[in-house]
Amino acid sequence: NIVVLTGAGISKESGLDTFRDADGLWSRVNLEDVATP
């Protein structure tokens, strides 16, 4: 059996931003504002 874990890096070449790169999504918005209850 195989378990594959994927993160934002697999979708970056599809044109979607990663989160934690220097130019990633969290460098442009405050995660406490948009990604917390």
Full PDB file with SEQRES, HELIX, SHEET, SSBOND, CRYST1, ORIGX, SCALE, CONECT and MASTER records, all heavy atoms in Angstrom:
SEQRES   1 A   37  ASN ILE VAL VAL LEU THR GLY ALA GLY ILE SER LYS GLU          
SEQRES   2 A   37  SER GLY LEU ASP THR PHE ARG ASP ALA ASP GLY LEU TRP          
SEQRES   3 A   37  SER ARG VAL ASN LEU GLU ASP VAL ALA THR PRO                  
HELIX    1 AA1 ALA A    8  ILE A   10  5                                   3    
HELIX    2 AA2 LYS A   12  SER A   14  5                                   3    
HELIX    3 AA3 LEU A   25  SER A   27  5                                   3    
HELIX    4 AA4 LEU A   31  VAL A   34  1                                   4    
CRYST1    1.000    1.000    1.000  90.00  90.00  90.00 P 1           1          
ORIGX1      1.000000  0.000000  0.000000        0.00000                         
ORIGX2      0.000000  1.000000  0.000000        0.00000                         
ORIGX3      0.000000  0.000000  1.000000        0.00000                         
SCALE1      1.000000  0.000000  0.000000        0.00000                         
SCALE2      0.000000  1.000000  0.000000        0.00000                         
SCALE3      0.000000  0.000000  1.000000        0.00000                         
ATOM      1  N   ASN A   1       0.826  -1.199   0.000  1.00  0.00           N  
ATOM      2  CA  ASN A   1       0.000   0.000   0.000  1.00  0.00           C  
ATOM      3  C   ASN A   1       0.869   1.260   0.000  1.00  0.00           C  
ATOM      4  O   ASN A   1       1.918   1.292   0.653  1.00  0.00           O  
ATOM      5  CB  ASN A   1      -0.922   0.021   1.216  1.00  0.00           C  
ATOM      6  CG  ASN A   1      -1.947  -1.096   1.183  1.00  0.00           C  
ATOM      7  OD1 ASN A   1      -2.243  -1.646   0.119  1.00  0.00           O  
ATOM      8  ND2 ASN A   1      -2.486  -1.435   2.341  1.00  0.00           N  
ATOM      9  N   ILE A   2       0.388   2.284  -0.694  1.00  0.00           N  
ATOM     10  CA  ILE A   2       1.104   3.554  -0.807  1.00  0.00           C  
ATOM     11  C   ILE A   2       0.219   4.679  -0.280  1.00  0.00           C  
ATOM     12  O   ILE A   2      -0.963   4.752  -0.624  1.00  0.00           O  
ATOM     13  CB  ILE A   2       1.492   3.856  -2.268  1.00  0.00           C  
ATOM     14  CG1 ILE A   2       2.400   2.761  -2.836  1.00  0.00           C  
ATOM     15  CG2 ILE A   2       2.166   5.230  -2.382  1.00  0.00           C  
ATOM     16  CD1 ILE A   2       2.700   2.922  -4.323  1.00  0.00           C  
ATOM     17  N   VAL A   3       0.800   5.543   0.555  1.00  0.00           N  
ATOM     18  CA  VAL A   3       0.150   6.787   0.959  1.00  0.00           C  
ATOM     19  C   VAL A   3       0.979   7.940   0.414  1.00  0.00           C  
ATOM     20  O   VAL A   3       2.190   8.009   0.637  1.00  0.00           O  
ATOM     21  CB  VAL A   3       0.016   6.907   2.489  1.00  0.00           C  
ATOM     22  CG1 VAL A   3      -0.540   8.289   2.868  1.00  0.00           C  
ATOM     23  CG2 VAL A   3      -0.888   5.813   3.042  1.00  0.00           C  
ATOM     24  N   VAL A   4       0.318   8.838  -0.324  1.00  0.00           N  
ATOM     25  CA  VAL A   4       0.976  10.008  -0.897  1.00  0.00           C  
ATOM     26  C   VAL A   4       0.411  11.251  -0.224  1.00  0.00           C  
ATOM     27  O   VAL A   4      -0.796  11.478  -0.237  1.00  0.00           O  
ATOM     28  CB  VAL A   4       0.738  10.094  -2.414  1.00  0.00           C  
ATOM     29  CG1 VAL A   4       1.469  11.319  -2.993  1.00  0.00           C  
ATOM     30  CG2 VAL A   4       1.189   8.817  -3.111  1.00  0.00           C  
ATOM     31  N   LEU A   5       1.278  12.062   0.367  1.00  0.00           N  
ATOM     32  CA  LEU A   5       0.892  13.359   0.924  1.00  0.00           C  
ATOM     33  C   LEU A   5       1.311  14.438  -0.049  1.00  0.00           C  
ATOM     34  O   LEU A   5       2.462  14.473  -0.489  1.00  0.00           O  
ATOM     35  CB  LEU A   5       1.577  13.585   2.267  1.00  0.00           C  
ATOM     36  CG  LEU A   5       1.431  14.995   2.868  1.00  0.00           C  
ATOM     37  CD1 LEU A   5      -0.011  15.252   3.306  1.00  0.00           C  
ATOM     38  CD2 LEU A   5       2.390  15.190   4.042  1.00  0.00           C  
ATOM     39  N   THR A   6       0.378  15.330  -0.408  1.00  0.00           N  
ATOM     40  CA  THR A   6       0.741  16.432  -1.299  1.00  0.00           C  
ATOM     41  C   THR A   6       0.458  17.780  -0.657  1.00  0.00           C  
ATOM     42  O   THR A   6      -0.458  17.925   0.150  1.00  0.00           O  
ATOM     43  CB  THR A   6       0.004  16.356  -2.648  1.00  0.00           C  
ATOM     44  OG1 THR A   6      -1.398  16.566  -2.449  1.00  0.00           O  
ATOM     45  CG2 THR A   6       0.243  15.026  -3.331  1.00  0.00           C  
ATOM     46  N   GLY A   7       1.272  18.757  -1.048  1.00  0.00           N  
ATOM     47  CA  GLY A   7       1.094  20.125  -0.589  1.00  0.00           C  
ATOM     48  C   GLY A   7       1.046  21.079  -1.763  1.00  0.00           C  
ATOM     49  O   GLY A   7       0.968  20.672  -2.928  1.00  0.00           O  
ATOM     50  N   ALA A   8       1.122  22.366  -1.470  1.00  0.00           N  
ATOM     51  CA  ALA A   8       0.917  23.400  -2.481  1.00  0.00           C  
ATOM     52  C   ALA A   8       1.917  23.317  -3.626  1.00  0.00           C  
ATOM     53  O   ALA A   8       1.627  23.759  -4.745  1.00  0.00           O  
ATOM     54  CB  ALA A   8       0.990  24.782  -1.824  1.00  0.00           C  
ATOM     55  N   GLY A   9       3.091  22.738  -3.382  1.00  0.00           N  
ATOM     56  CA  GLY A   9       4.111  22.651  -4.417  1.00  0.00           C  
ATOM     57  C   GLY A   9       3.699  21.872  -5.639  1.00  0.00           C  
ATOM     58  O   GLY A   9       4.195  22.124  -6.742  1.00  0.00           O  
ATOM     59  N   ILE A  10       2.775  20.913  -5.471  1.00  0.00           N  
ATOM     60  CA  ILE A  10       2.362  20.122  -6.633  1.00  0.00           C  
ATOM     61  C   ILE A  10       1.435  20.916  -7.542  1.00  0.00           C  
ATOM     62  O   ILE A  10       1.314  20.626  -8.737  1.00  0.00           O  
ATOM     63  CB  ILE A  10       1.700  18.791  -6.194  1.00  0.00           C  
ATOM     64  CG1 ILE A  10       1.690  17.793  -7.370  1.00  0.00           C  
ATOM     65  CG2 ILE A  10       0.298  19.016  -5.655  1.00  0.00           C  
ATOM     66  CD1 ILE A  10       1.254  16.392  -7.004  1.00  0.00           C  
ATOM     67  N   SER A  11       0.771  21.924  -7.005  1.00  0.00           N  
ATOM     68  CA  SER A  11      -0.163  22.726  -7.801  1.00  0.00           C  
ATOM     69  C   SER A  11       0.443  24.025  -8.318  1.00  0.00           C  
ATOM     70  O   SER A  11      -0.180  24.727  -9.115  1.00  0.00           O  
ATOM     71  CB  SER A  11      -1.422  23.047  -6.971  1.00  0.00           C  
ATOM     72  OG  SER A  11      -2.141  21.874  -6.675  1.00  0.00           O  
ATOM     73  N   LYS A  12       1.656  24.342  -7.888  1.00  0.00           N  
ATOM     74  CA  LYS A  12       2.262  25.615  -8.281  1.00  0.00           C  
ATOM     75  C   LYS A  12       2.404  25.719  -9.796  1.00  0.00           C  
ATOM     76  O   LYS A  12       2.151  26.775 -10.386  1.00  0.00           O  
ATOM     77  CB  LYS A  12       3.625  25.777  -7.609  1.00  0.00           C  
ATOM     78  CG  LYS A  12       4.280  27.130  -7.878  1.00  0.00           C  
ATOM     79  CD  LYS A  12       5.532  27.323  -7.051  1.00  0.00           C  
ATOM     80  CE  LYS A  12       6.111  28.712  -7.272  1.00  0.00           C  
ATOM     81  NZ  LYS A  12       7.310  28.961  -6.431  1.00  0.00           N  
ATOM     82  N   GLU A  13       2.766  24.610 -10.453  1.00  0.00           N  
ATOM     83  CA  GLU A  13       2.947  24.640 -11.901  1.00  0.00           C  
ATOM     84  C   GLU A  13       1.625  24.618 -12.657  1.00  0.00           C  
ATOM     85  O   GLU A  13       1.609  24.701 -13.888  1.00  0.00           O  
ATOM     86  CB  GLU A  13       3.848  23.479 -12.334  1.00  0.00           C  
ATOM     87  CG  GLU A  13       5.280  23.643 -11.872  1.00  0.00           C  
ATOM     88  CD  GLU A  13       6.116  22.410 -12.135  1.00  0.00           C  
ATOM     89  OE1 GLU A  13       6.649  22.291 -13.251  1.00  0.00           O  
ATOM     90  OE2 GLU A  13       6.220  21.554 -11.229  1.00  0.00           O  
ATOM     91  N   SER A  14       0.522  24.524 -11.907  1.00  0.00           N  
ATOM     92  CA  SER A  14      -0.800  24.685 -12.508  1.00  0.00           C  
ATOM     93  C   SER A  14      -1.279  26.120 -12.426  1.00  0.00           C  
ATOM     94  O   SER A  14      -2.412  26.431 -12.797  1.00  0.00           O  
ATOM     95  CB  SER A  14      -1.813  23.767 -11.803  1.00  0.00           C  
ATOM     96  OG  SER A  14      -1.556  22.416 -12.101  1.00  0.00           O  
ATOM     97  N   GLY A  15      -0.437  27.004 -11.880  1.00  0.00           N  
ATOM     98  CA  GLY A  15      -0.768  28.415 -11.823  1.00  0.00           C  
ATOM     99  C   GLY A  15      -1.330  28.877 -10.495  1.00  0.00           C  
ATOM    100  O   GLY A  15      -1.831  30.001 -10.399  1.00  0.00           O  
ATOM    101  N   LEU A  16      -1.231  28.052  -9.455  1.00  0.00           N  
ATOM    102  CA  LEU A  16      -1.745  28.428  -8.144  1.00  0.00           C  
ATOM    103  C   LEU A  16      -0.608  28.808  -7.212  1.00  0.00           C  
ATOM    104  O   LEU A  16       0.441  28.163  -7.192  1.00  0.00           O  
ATOM    105  CB  LEU A  16      -2.549  27.273  -7.527  1.00  0.00           C  
ATOM    106  CG  LEU A  16      -3.836  26.899  -8.273  1.00  0.00           C  
ATOM    107  CD1 LEU A  16      -4.515  25.732  -7.565  1.00  0.00           C  
ATOM    108  CD2 LEU A  16      -4.785  28.091  -8.355  1.00  0.00           C  
ATOM    109  N   ASP A  17      -0.832  29.833  -6.409  1.00  0.00           N  
ATOM    110  CA  ASP A  17       0.176  30.281  -5.457  1.00  0.00           C  
ATOM    111  C   ASP A  17       0.402  29.252  -4.370  1.00  0.00           C  
ATOM    112  O   ASP A  17      -0.533  28.599  -3.899  1.00  0.00           O  
ATOM    113  CB  ASP A  17      -0.262  31.591  -4.781  1.00  0.00           C  
ATOM    114  CG  ASP A  17      -0.178  32.778  -5.721  1.00  0.00           C  
ATOM    115  OD1 ASP A  17       0.629  32.723  -6.662  1.00  0.00           O  
ATOM    116  OD2 ASP A  17      -0.919  33.751  -5.493  1.00  0.00           O  
ATOM    117  N   THR A  18       1.666  29.110  -3.951  1.00  0.00           N  
ATOM    118  CA  THR A  18       1.958  28.416  -2.706  1.00  0.00           C  
ATOM    119  C   THR A  18       1.710  29.392  -1.560  1.00  0.00           C  
ATOM    120  O   THR A  18       1.392  30.556  -1.759  1.00  0.00           O  
ATOM    121  CB  THR A  18       3.406  27.921  -2.680  1.00  0.00           C  
ATOM    122  OG1 THR A  18       4.266  29.056  -2.829  1.00  0.00           O  
ATOM    123  CG2 THR A  18       3.672  26.933  -3.813  1.00  0.00           C  
ATOM    124  N   PHE A  19       1.870  28.894  -0.333  1.00  0.00           N  
ATOM    125  CA  PHE A  19       1.573  29.728   0.825  1.00  0.00           C  
ATOM    126  C   PHE A  19       2.822  30.302   1.467  1.00  0.00           C  
ATOM    127  O   PHE A  19       2.840  31.455   1.848  1.00  0.00           O  
ATOM    128  CB  PHE A  19       0.796  28.908   1.865  1.00  0.00           C  
ATOM    129  CG  PHE A  19      -0.603  28.591   1.425  1.00  0.00           C  
ATOM    130  CD1 PHE A  19      -0.862  27.473   0.661  1.00  0.00           C  
ATOM    131  CD2 PHE A  19      -1.659  29.422   1.759  1.00  0.00           C  
ATOM    132  CE1 PHE A  19      -2.152  27.177   0.239  1.00  0.00           C  
ATOM    133  CE2 PHE A  19      -2.951  29.147   1.351  1.00  0.00           C  
ATOM    134  CZ  PHE A  19      -3.191  28.015   0.586  1.00  0.00           C  
ATOM    135  N   ARG A  20       3.883  29.505   1.585  1.00  0.00           N  
ATOM    136  CA  ARG A  20       4.994  29.879   2.441  1.00  0.00           C  
ATOM    137  C   ARG A  20       6.257  30.276   1.691  1.00  0.00           C  
ATOM    138  O   ARG A  20       7.270  30.549   2.304  1.00  0.00           O  
ATOM    139  CB  ARG A  20       5.285  28.733   3.426  1.00  0.00           C  
ATOM    140  CG  ARG A  20       4.118  28.517   4.374  1.00  0.00           C  
ATOM    141  CD  ARG A  20       4.321  27.348   5.328  1.00  0.00           C  
ATOM    142  NE  ARG A  20       3.126  27.160   6.144  1.00  0.00           N  
ATOM    143  CZ  ARG A  20       2.872  27.826   7.258  1.00  0.00           C  
ATOM    144  NH1 ARG A  20       3.728  28.727   7.699  1.00  0.00           N  
ATOM    145  NH2 ARG A  20       1.766  27.605   7.933  1.00  0.00           N  
ATOM    146  N   ASP A  21       6.224  30.281   0.360  1.00  0.00           N  
ATOM    147  CA  ASP A  21       7.364  30.820  -0.374  1.00  0.00           C  
ATOM    148  C   ASP A  21       7.505  32.311  -0.070  1.00  0.00           C  
ATOM    149  O   ASP A  21       6.593  32.953   0.444  1.00  0.00           O  
ATOM    150  CB  ASP A  21       7.164  30.638  -1.880  1.00  0.00           C  
ATOM    151  CG  ASP A  21       7.357  29.185  -2.317  1.00  0.00           C  
ATOM    152  OD1 ASP A  21       7.831  28.386  -1.497  1.00  0.00           O  
ATOM    153  OD2 ASP A  21       7.013  28.866  -3.470  1.00  0.00           O  
ATOM    154  N   ALA A  22       8.659  32.865  -0.439  1.00  0.00           N  
ATOM    155  CA  ALA A  22       8.899  34.290  -0.177  1.00  0.00           C  
ATOM    156  C   ALA A  22       7.829  35.173  -0.813  1.00  0.00           C  
ATOM    157  O   ALA A  22       7.471  36.216  -0.269  1.00  0.00           O  
ATOM    158  CB  ALA A  22      10.284  34.676  -0.681  1.00  0.00           C  
ATOM    159  N   ASP A  23       7.323  34.738  -1.980  1.00  0.00           N  
ATOM    160  CA  ASP A  23       6.275  35.502  -2.656  1.00  0.00           C  
ATOM    161  C   ASP A  23       4.918  34.809  -2.545  1.00  0.00           C  
ATOM    162  O   ASP A  23       4.008  35.068  -3.332  1.00  0.00           O  
ATOM    163  CB  ASP A  23       6.625  35.707  -4.129  1.00  0.00           C  
ATOM    164  CG  ASP A  23       6.770  34.381  -4.882  1.00  0.00           C  
ATOM    165  OD1 ASP A  23       6.878  33.327  -4.222  1.00  0.00           O  
ATOM    166  OD2 ASP A  23       6.779  34.413  -6.131  1.00  0.00           O  
ATOM    167  N   GLY A  24       4.778  33.914  -1.561  1.00  0.00           N  
ATOM    168  CA  GLY A  24       3.566  33.124  -1.427  1.00  0.00           C  
ATOM    169  C   GLY A  24       2.403  33.909  -0.846  1.00  0.00           C  
ATOM    170  O   GLY A  24       2.509  35.089  -0.490  1.00  0.00           O  
ATOM    171  N   LEU A  25       1.278  33.208  -0.722  1.00  0.00           N  
ATOM    172  CA  LEU A  25       0.029  33.856  -0.334  1.00  0.00           C  
ATOM    173  C   LEU A  25       0.123  34.528   1.028  1.00  0.00           C  
ATOM    174  O   LEU A  25      -0.390  35.633   1.227  1.00  0.00           O  
ATOM    175  CB  LEU A  25      -1.086  32.809  -0.328  1.00  0.00           C  
ATOM    176  CG  LEU A  25      -2.522  33.309  -0.357  1.00  0.00           C  
ATOM    177  CD1 LEU A  25      -2.765  34.165  -1.578  1.00  0.00           C  
ATOM    178  CD2 LEU A  25      -3.478  32.129  -0.341  1.00  0.00           C  
ATOM    179  N   TRP A  26       0.807  33.887   1.984  1.00  0.00           N  
ATOM    180  CA  TRP A  26       0.860  34.460   3.334  1.00  0.00           C  
ATOM    181  C   TRP A  26       1.791  35.665   3.423  1.00  0.00           C  
ATOM    182  O   TRP A  26       1.847  36.330   4.455  1.00  0.00           O  
ATOM    183  CB  TRP A  26       1.262  33.414   4.360  1.00  0.00           C  
ATOM    184  CG  TRP A  26       0.307  32.279   4.524  1.00  0.00           C  
ATOM    185  CD1 TRP A  26       0.613  30.971   4.771  1.00  0.00           C  
ATOM    186  CD2 TRP A  26      -1.140  32.318   4.492  1.00  0.00           C  
ATOM    187  NE1 TRP A  26      -0.532  30.210   4.858  1.00  0.00           N  
ATOM    188  CE2 TRP A  26      -1.608  31.001   4.698  1.00  0.00           C  
ATOM    189  CE3 TRP A  26      -2.070  33.352   4.282  1.00  0.00           C  
ATOM    190  CZ2 TRP A  26      -2.975  30.688   4.718  1.00  0.00           C  
ATOM    191  CZ3 TRP A  26      -3.432  33.038   4.290  1.00  0.00           C  
ATOM    192  CH2 TRP A  26      -3.864  31.736   4.511  1.00  0.00           C  
ATOM    193  N   SER A  27       2.534  35.955   2.355  1.00  0.00           N  
ATOM    194  CA  SER A  27       3.335  37.193   2.346  1.00  0.00           C  
ATOM    195  C   SER A  27       2.489  38.392   1.944  1.00  0.00           C  
ATOM    196  O   SER A  27       2.913  39.534   2.099  1.00  0.00           O  
ATOM    197  CB  SER A  27       4.524  37.045   1.380  1.00  0.00           C  
ATOM    198  OG  SER A  27       4.090  37.040   0.025  1.00  0.00           O  
ATOM    199  N   ARG A  28       1.277  38.133   1.438  1.00  0.00           N  
ATOM    200  CA  ARG A  28       0.440  39.220   0.928  1.00  0.00           C  
ATOM    201  C   ARG A  28      -0.822  39.464   1.755  1.00  0.00           C  
ATOM    202  O   ARG A  28      -1.444  40.524   1.625  1.00  0.00           O  
ATOM    203  CB  ARG A  28       0.043  38.928  -0.521  1.00  0.00           C  
ATOM    204  CG  ARG A  28       1.243  38.734  -1.436  1.00  0.00           C  
ATOM    205  CD  ARG A  28       0.853  38.790  -2.900  1.00  0.00           C  
ATOM    206  NE  ARG A  28      -0.082  37.744  -3.285  1.00  0.00           N  
ATOM    207  CZ  ARG A  28       0.285  36.519  -3.655  1.00  0.00           C  
ATOM    208  NH1 ARG A  28       1.572  36.184  -3.664  1.00  0.00           N  
ATOM    209  NH2 ARG A  28      -0.620  35.632  -4.023  1.00  0.00           N  
ATOM    210  N   VAL A  29      -1.220  38.484   2.565  1.00  0.00           N  
ATOM    211  CA  VAL A  29      -2.378  38.655   3.438  1.00  0.00           C  
ATOM    212  C   VAL A  29      -2.019  38.171   4.831  1.00  0.00           C  
ATOM    213  O   VAL A  29      -1.097  37.380   5.007  1.00  0.00           O  
ATOM    214  CB  VAL A  29      -3.620  37.884   2.918  1.00  0.00           C  
ATOM    215  CG1 VAL A  29      -4.064  38.413   1.573  1.00  0.00           C  
ATOM    216  CG2 VAL A  29      -3.340  36.385   2.850  1.00  0.00           C  
ATOM    217  N   ASN A  30      -2.754  38.644   5.808  1.00  0.00           N  
ATOM    218  CA  ASN A  30      -2.543  38.220   7.190  1.00  0.00           C  
ATOM    219  C   ASN A  30      -3.393  36.989   7.445  1.00  0.00           C  
ATOM    220  O   ASN A  30      -4.620  37.045   7.401  1.00  0.00           O  
ATOM    221  CB  ASN A  30      -2.945  39.366   8.132  1.00  0.00           C  
ATOM    222  CG  ASN A  30      -2.576  39.070   9.572  1.00  0.00           C  
ATOM    223  OD1 ASN A  30      -2.481  37.917   9.979  1.00  0.00           O  
ATOM    224  ND2 ASN A  30      -2.365  40.123  10.348  1.00  0.00           N  
ATOM    225  N   LEU A  31      -2.737  35.853   7.709  1.00  0.00           N  
ATOM    226  CA  LEU A  31      -3.494  34.609   7.856  1.00  0.00           C  
ATOM    227  C   LEU A  31      -4.476  34.673   9.025  1.00  0.00           C  
ATOM    228  O   LEU A  31      -5.534  34.034   8.991  1.00  0.00           O  
ATOM    229  CB  LEU A  31      -2.560  33.404   7.980  1.00  0.00           C  
ATOM    230  CG  LEU A  31      -1.651  33.256   9.208  1.00  0.00           C  
ATOM    231  CD1 LEU A  31      -2.342  32.552  10.351  1.00  0.00           C  
ATOM    232  CD2 LEU A  31      -0.386  32.487   8.843  1.00  0.00           C  
ATOM    233  N   GLU A  32      -4.151  35.456  10.071  1.00  0.00           N  
ATOM    234  CA  GLU A  32      -5.079  35.586  11.196  1.00  0.00           C  
ATOM    235  C   GLU A  32      -6.382  36.271  10.778  1.00  0.00           C  
ATOM    236  O   GLU A  32      -7.423  36.056  11.394  1.00  0.00           O  
ATOM    237  CB  GLU A  32      -4.438  36.378  12.345  1.00  0.00           C  
ATOM    238  CG  GLU A  32      -3.400  35.608  13.144  1.00  0.00           C  
ATOM    239  CD  GLU A  32      -2.030  35.636  12.507  1.00  0.00           C  
ATOM    240  OE1 GLU A  32      -1.877  36.328  11.466  1.00  0.00           O  
ATOM    241  OE2 GLU A  32      -1.106  34.960  13.010  1.00  0.00           O  
ATOM    242  N   ASP A  33      -6.314  37.059   9.718  1.00  0.00           N  
ATOM    243  CA  ASP A  33      -7.509  37.765   9.245  1.00  0.00           C  
ATOM    244  C   ASP A  33      -8.404  36.894   8.381  1.00  0.00           C  
ATOM    245  O   ASP A  33      -9.635  37.026   8.425  1.00  0.00           O  
ATOM    246  CB  ASP A  33      -7.118  39.019   8.449  1.00  0.00           C  
ATOM    247  CG  ASP A  33      -6.541  40.112   9.324  1.00  0.00           C  
ATOM    248  OD1 ASP A  33      -6.837  40.134  10.539  1.00  0.00           O  
ATOM    249  OD2 ASP A  33      -5.772  40.949   8.797  1.00  0.00           O  
ATOM    250  N   VAL A  34      -7.806  36.013   7.574  1.00  0.00           N  
ATOM    251  CA  VAL A  34      -8.601  35.297   6.562  1.00  0.00           C  
ATOM    252  C   VAL A  34      -8.605  33.788   6.727  1.00  0.00           C  
ATOM    253  O   VAL A  34      -9.324  33.099   5.997  1.00  0.00           O  
ATOM    254  CB  VAL A  34      -8.126  35.648   5.134  1.00  0.00           C  
ATOM    255  CG1 VAL A  34      -8.287  37.134   4.860  1.00  0.00           C  
ATOM    256  CG2 VAL A  34      -6.692  35.192   4.892  1.00  0.00           C  
ATOM    257  N   ALA A  35      -7.853  33.251   7.656  1.00  0.00           N  
ATOM    258  CA  ALA A  35      -7.750  31.791   7.762  1.00  0.00           C  
ATOM    259  C   ALA A  35      -7.866  31.307   9.207  1.00  0.00           C  
ATOM    260  O   ALA A  35      -7.230  30.324   9.596  1.00  0.00           O  
ATOM    261  CB  ALA A  35      -6.437  31.301   7.135  1.00  0.00           C  
ATOM    262  N   THR A  36      -8.666  32.006  10.008  1.00  0.00           N  
ATOM    263  CA  THR A  36      -8.950  31.571  11.375  1.00  0.00           C  
ATOM    264  C   THR A  36     -10.426  31.791  11.672  1.00  0.00           C  
ATOM    265  O   THR A  36     -11.051  32.703  11.103  1.00  0.00           O  
ATOM    266  CB  THR A  36      -8.125  32.357  12.417  1.00  0.00           C  
ATOM    267  OG1 THR A  36      -8.506  33.736  12.367  1.00  0.00           O  
ATOM    268  CG2 THR A  36      -6.627  32.229  12.162  1.00  0.00           C  
ATOM    269  N   PRO A  37     -11.010  30.993  12.567  1.00  0.00           N  
ATOM    270  CA  PRO A  37     -12.392  31.247  12.971  1.00  0.00           C  
ATOM    271  C   PRO A  37     -12.569  32.643  13.573  1.00  0.00           C  
ATOM    272  O   PRO A  37     -13.607  33.285  13.379  1.00  0.00           O  
ATOM    273  CB  PRO A  37     -12.664  30.157  14.011  1.00  0.00           C  
ATOM    274  CG  PRO A  37     -11.676  29.074  13.713  1.00  0.00           C  
ATOM    275  CD  PRO A  37     -10.454  29.788  13.201  1.00  0.00           C  
TER     276      PRO A  37                                                      
MASTER        0    0    0    4    0    0    0    6  275    1    0    3          
END                                                                             
